[in-house]
Amino acid sequence: MGREVSESCVESLLAEIVSSYCNGFYANKPELAARRIEAIGFQVGHQLSERYTMDRPRFTDHLEAIKFICKDFWSELFKKQIDNLKTNHRGTFVLQDNRFRWLAHMSVDPSVETSGSIQDPSAMAENKAAQATGMHLYFPCGIIRGALSNLGIPCAVSADISSLPACSFVVRIKA
């Protein structure tokens, strides 16, 4: 029972953060709202990574750190591992979650959903629900980026929605 309450609190908090930044603080500046939401996620990911790796030796390479994010870190956050990990072995990783918990209760117009990359805000501006869904993904992108930053891996993280609640996170390691 306690876990259900805490999960619903996190989902409600995320919804309020997105609402406050998108409809209040930066209503006319969605790019700035997205950066602020991602920055909050970065702080959370950085601190959680610190907590979860406290008793572990440092990771020796990028792949080992990404596997930690996919297995242990994701399990702590979402009570399941990432469903699929792909890499091109040149610094790009795709983490696929087929049932991303924070998107499980959302719905969008199917005609807009297929173009749901959050890297292109203009593509999602047509539909407020799709835009809000995209805004919700900046927070977990920040969490991933913050966790990897704490592990000594500078990167950029973006997200794509193929079909709700599935979500892919693309991690590009900076040289």
Protein backbone atom coordinates (compact mmCIF):
# COMPACT_ATOMS: atom_id res chain seq x y z
CA MET A 1 0.00 0.00 0.00
CA GLY A 2 2.79 2.44 0.86
CA ARG A 3 4.45 1.98 -2.54
CA GLU A 4 1.22 2.78 -4.39
CA VAL A 5 0.83 6.00 -2.44
CA SER A 6 4.40 7.09 -3.10
CA GLU A 7 4.13 6.27 -6.83
CA SER A 8 0.92 8.27 -7.14
CA CYS A 9 2.56 11.16 -5.28
CA VAL A 10 5.49 11.19 -7.71
CA GLU A 11 3.12 11.10 -10.69
CA SER A 12 1.07 13.95 -9.20
CA LEU A 13 4.21 15.96 -8.46
CA LEU A 14 5.44 15.49 -12.04
CA ALA A 15 2.05 16.57 -13.39
CA GLU A 16 2.16 19.70 -11.20
CA ILE A 17 5.72 20.54 -12.24
CA VAL A 18 4.80 20.27 -15.91
CA SER A 19 1.60 22.25 -15.41
CA SER A 20 3.31 25.00 -13.40
CA TYR A 21 6.16 25.46 -15.84
CA CYS A 22 4.12 25.11 -19.04
CA ASN A 23 0.97 26.98 -18.05
CA GLY A 24 2.29 29.36 -15.42
CA PHE A 25 5.93 30.35 -15.22
CA TYR A 26 6.81 29.91 -18.90
CA ALA A 27 3.42 29.72 -20.63
CA ASN A 28 4.70 31.49 -23.75
CA LYS A 29 8.16 29.90 -23.78
CA PRO A 30 7.83 26.09 -24.08
CA GLU A 31 11.56 25.64 -24.81
CA LEU A 32 12.48 27.36 -21.56
CA ALA A 33 9.87 25.36 -19.64
CA ALA A 34 11.32 22.16 -21.12
CA ARG A 35 14.85 23.13 -20.06
CA ARG A 36 13.69 23.89 -16.50
CA ILE A 37 11.80 20.60 -16.20
CA GLU A 38 14.84 18.72 -17.54
CA ALA A 39 17.09 20.56 -15.05
CA ILE A 40 14.90 19.42 -12.15
CA GLY A 41 15.13 15.86 -13.47
CA PHE A 42 18.92 16.25 -13.75
CA GLN A 43 19.18 17.13 -10.06
CA VAL A 44 16.98 14.18 -9.08
CA GLY A 45 18.94 11.74 -11.26
CA HIS A 46 22.28 13.03 -9.99
CA GLN A 47 21.25 12.56 -6.36
CA LEU A 48 19.62 9.17 -6.92
CA SER A 49 22.68 7.91 -8.78
CA GLU A 50 24.84 9.03 -5.89
CA ARG A 51 22.63 7.10 -3.48
CA TYR A 52 22.40 3.92 -5.58
CA THR A 53 26.13 3.70 -6.39
CA MET A 54 27.45 4.58 -2.95
CA ASP A 55 28.68 1.04 -2.19
CA ARG A 56 29.75 0.12 -5.72
CA PRO A 57 33.09 0.43 -7.45
CA ARG A 58 33.30 2.97 -10.28
CA PHE A 59 32.23 1.75 -13.70
CA THR A 60 35.05 1.06 -16.12
CA ASP A 61 33.28 1.94 -19.38
CA HIS A 62 30.17 3.55 -20.82
CA LEU A 63 28.40 0.28 -21.58
CA GLU A 64 28.74 -0.89 -17.98
CA ALA A 65 27.23 2.38 -16.71
CA ILE A 66 24.37 2.22 -19.23
CA LYS A 67 23.64 -1.38 -18.18
CA PHE A 68 23.51 -0.17 -14.57
CA ILE A 69 20.94 2.48 -15.62
CA CYS A 70 18.89 -0.13 -17.51
CA LYS A 71 18.88 -2.76 -14.78
CA ASP A 72 19.50 -1.50 -11.26
CA PHE A 73 18.70 2.22 -11.52
CA TRP A 74 15.51 1.70 -13.58
CA SER A 75 14.42 -1.09 -11.21
CA GLU A 76 14.76 1.23 -8.23
CA LEU A 77 12.71 3.93 -9.96
CA PHE A 78 10.07 1.93 -11.82
CA LYS A 79 10.16 -1.57 -10.28
CA LYS A 80 11.15 -3.08 -13.64
CA GLN A 81 14.15 -3.12 -15.92
CA ILE A 82 14.38 -1.41 -19.30
CA ASP A 83 12.80 -3.75 -21.87
CA ASN A 84 15.42 -3.32 -24.59
CA LEU A 85 18.87 -1.75 -24.95
CA LYS A 86 20.43 -1.06 -28.34
CA THR A 87 23.74 0.57 -29.19
CA ASN A 88 25.75 1.45 -32.27
CA HIS A 89 28.98 0.99 -30.24
CA ARG A 90 29.93 4.57 -31.09
CA GLY A 91 28.36 6.37 -28.15
CA THR A 92 24.64 6.14 -28.92
CA PHE A 93 22.32 4.00 -26.82
CA VAL A 94 18.56 3.49 -27.15
CA LEU A 95 16.72 2.45 -23.98
CA GLN A 96 13.24 1.09 -24.75
CA ASP A 97 10.55 0.89 -22.06
CA ASN A 98 7.43 -0.75 -23.50
CA ARG A 99 5.27 0.32 -20.57
CA PHE A 100 6.72 3.51 -19.15
CA ARG A 101 4.87 4.05 -15.87
CA TRP A 102 4.66 7.82 -16.08
CA LEU A 103 2.91 7.61 -19.46
CA ALA A 104 0.58 4.72 -18.60
CA HIS A 105 -2.34 7.01 -17.73
CA MET A 106 -1.94 9.40 -20.65
CA SER A 107 -3.56 9.43 -24.05
CA VAL A 108 -3.00 11.49 -27.17
CA ASP A 109 -4.56 11.91 -30.56
CA PRO A 110 -3.17 9.01 -32.64
CA SER A 111 -2.62 11.28 -35.66
CA VAL A 112 -0.11 13.36 -33.66
CA GLU A 113 1.29 10.56 -31.54
CA THR A 114 3.48 9.07 -34.26
CA SER A 115 5.47 12.29 -34.60
CA GLY A 116 6.09 12.47 -30.86
CA SER A 117 9.78 13.35 -30.71
CA ILE A 118 10.31 15.88 -27.94
CA GLN A 119 13.32 17.28 -29.78
CA ASP A 120 10.96 19.07 -32.19
CA PRO A 121 8.56 21.24 -30.14
CA SER A 122 6.84 22.64 -33.25
CA ALA A 123 5.70 19.16 -34.32
CA MET A 124 3.83 18.72 -31.05
CA ALA A 125 2.38 22.23 -30.84
CA GLU A 126 -0.66 21.11 -32.87
CA ASN A 127 -2.08 19.14 -29.99
CA LYS A 128 -2.01 20.28 -26.35
CA ALA A 129 -2.29 16.74 -25.02
CA ALA A 130 0.61 15.57 -27.15
CA GLN A 131 2.65 18.60 -26.09
CA ALA A 132 1.94 17.89 -22.40
CA THR A 133 2.96 14.26 -22.90
CA GLY A 134 6.19 15.40 -24.52
CA MET A 135 6.81 17.82 -21.66
CA HIS A 136 6.42 14.96 -19.18
CA LEU A 137 9.35 13.22 -20.87
CA TYR A 138 11.84 16.01 -20.19
CA PHE A 139 11.88 15.05 -16.52
CA PRO A 140 12.95 11.39 -17.03
CA CYS A 141 15.43 12.56 -19.71
CA GLY A 142 16.93 14.79 -17.05
CA ILE A 143 16.99 11.93 -14.56
CA ILE A 144 18.96 9.75 -16.99
CA ARG A 145 21.34 12.58 -17.90
CA GLY A 146 21.89 13.46 -14.23
CA ALA A 147 22.56 9.86 -13.25
CA LEU A 148 25.07 9.41 -16.05
CA SER A 149 26.69 12.76 -15.27
CA ASN A 150 27.21 11.61 -11.70
CA LEU A 151 28.89 8.49 -13.09
CA GLY A 152 31.28 10.70 -15.06
CA ILE A 153 29.56 10.34 -18.43
CA PRO A 154 28.51 13.60 -20.08
CA CYS A 155 25.68 12.99 -22.51
CA ALA A 156 22.55 14.30 -24.19
CA VAL A 157 19.25 12.46 -23.70
CA SER A 158 16.11 12.71 -25.81
CA ALA A 159 12.88 10.72 -25.85
CA ASP A 160 10.53 9.42 -28.51
CA ILE A 161 6.99 8.14 -28.12
CA SER A 162 6.15 5.40 -30.58
CA SER A 163 2.83 4.36 -29.09
CA LEU A 164 1.71 5.04 -25.55
CA PRO A 165 2.80 3.97 -23.03
CA ALA A 166 5.95 2.79 -24.88
CA CYS A 167 8.86 5.21 -24.84
CA SER A 168 12.45 5.21 -26.12
CA PHE A 169 15.23 7.23 -24.54
CA VAL A 170 18.17 8.01 -26.81
CA VAL A 171 21.45 8.62 -24.98
CA ARG A 172 24.28 10.22 -26.95
CA ILE A 173 27.61 10.21 -25.13
CA LYS A 174 29.56 13.45 -25.60
CA ALA A 175 33.17 13.00 -26.67
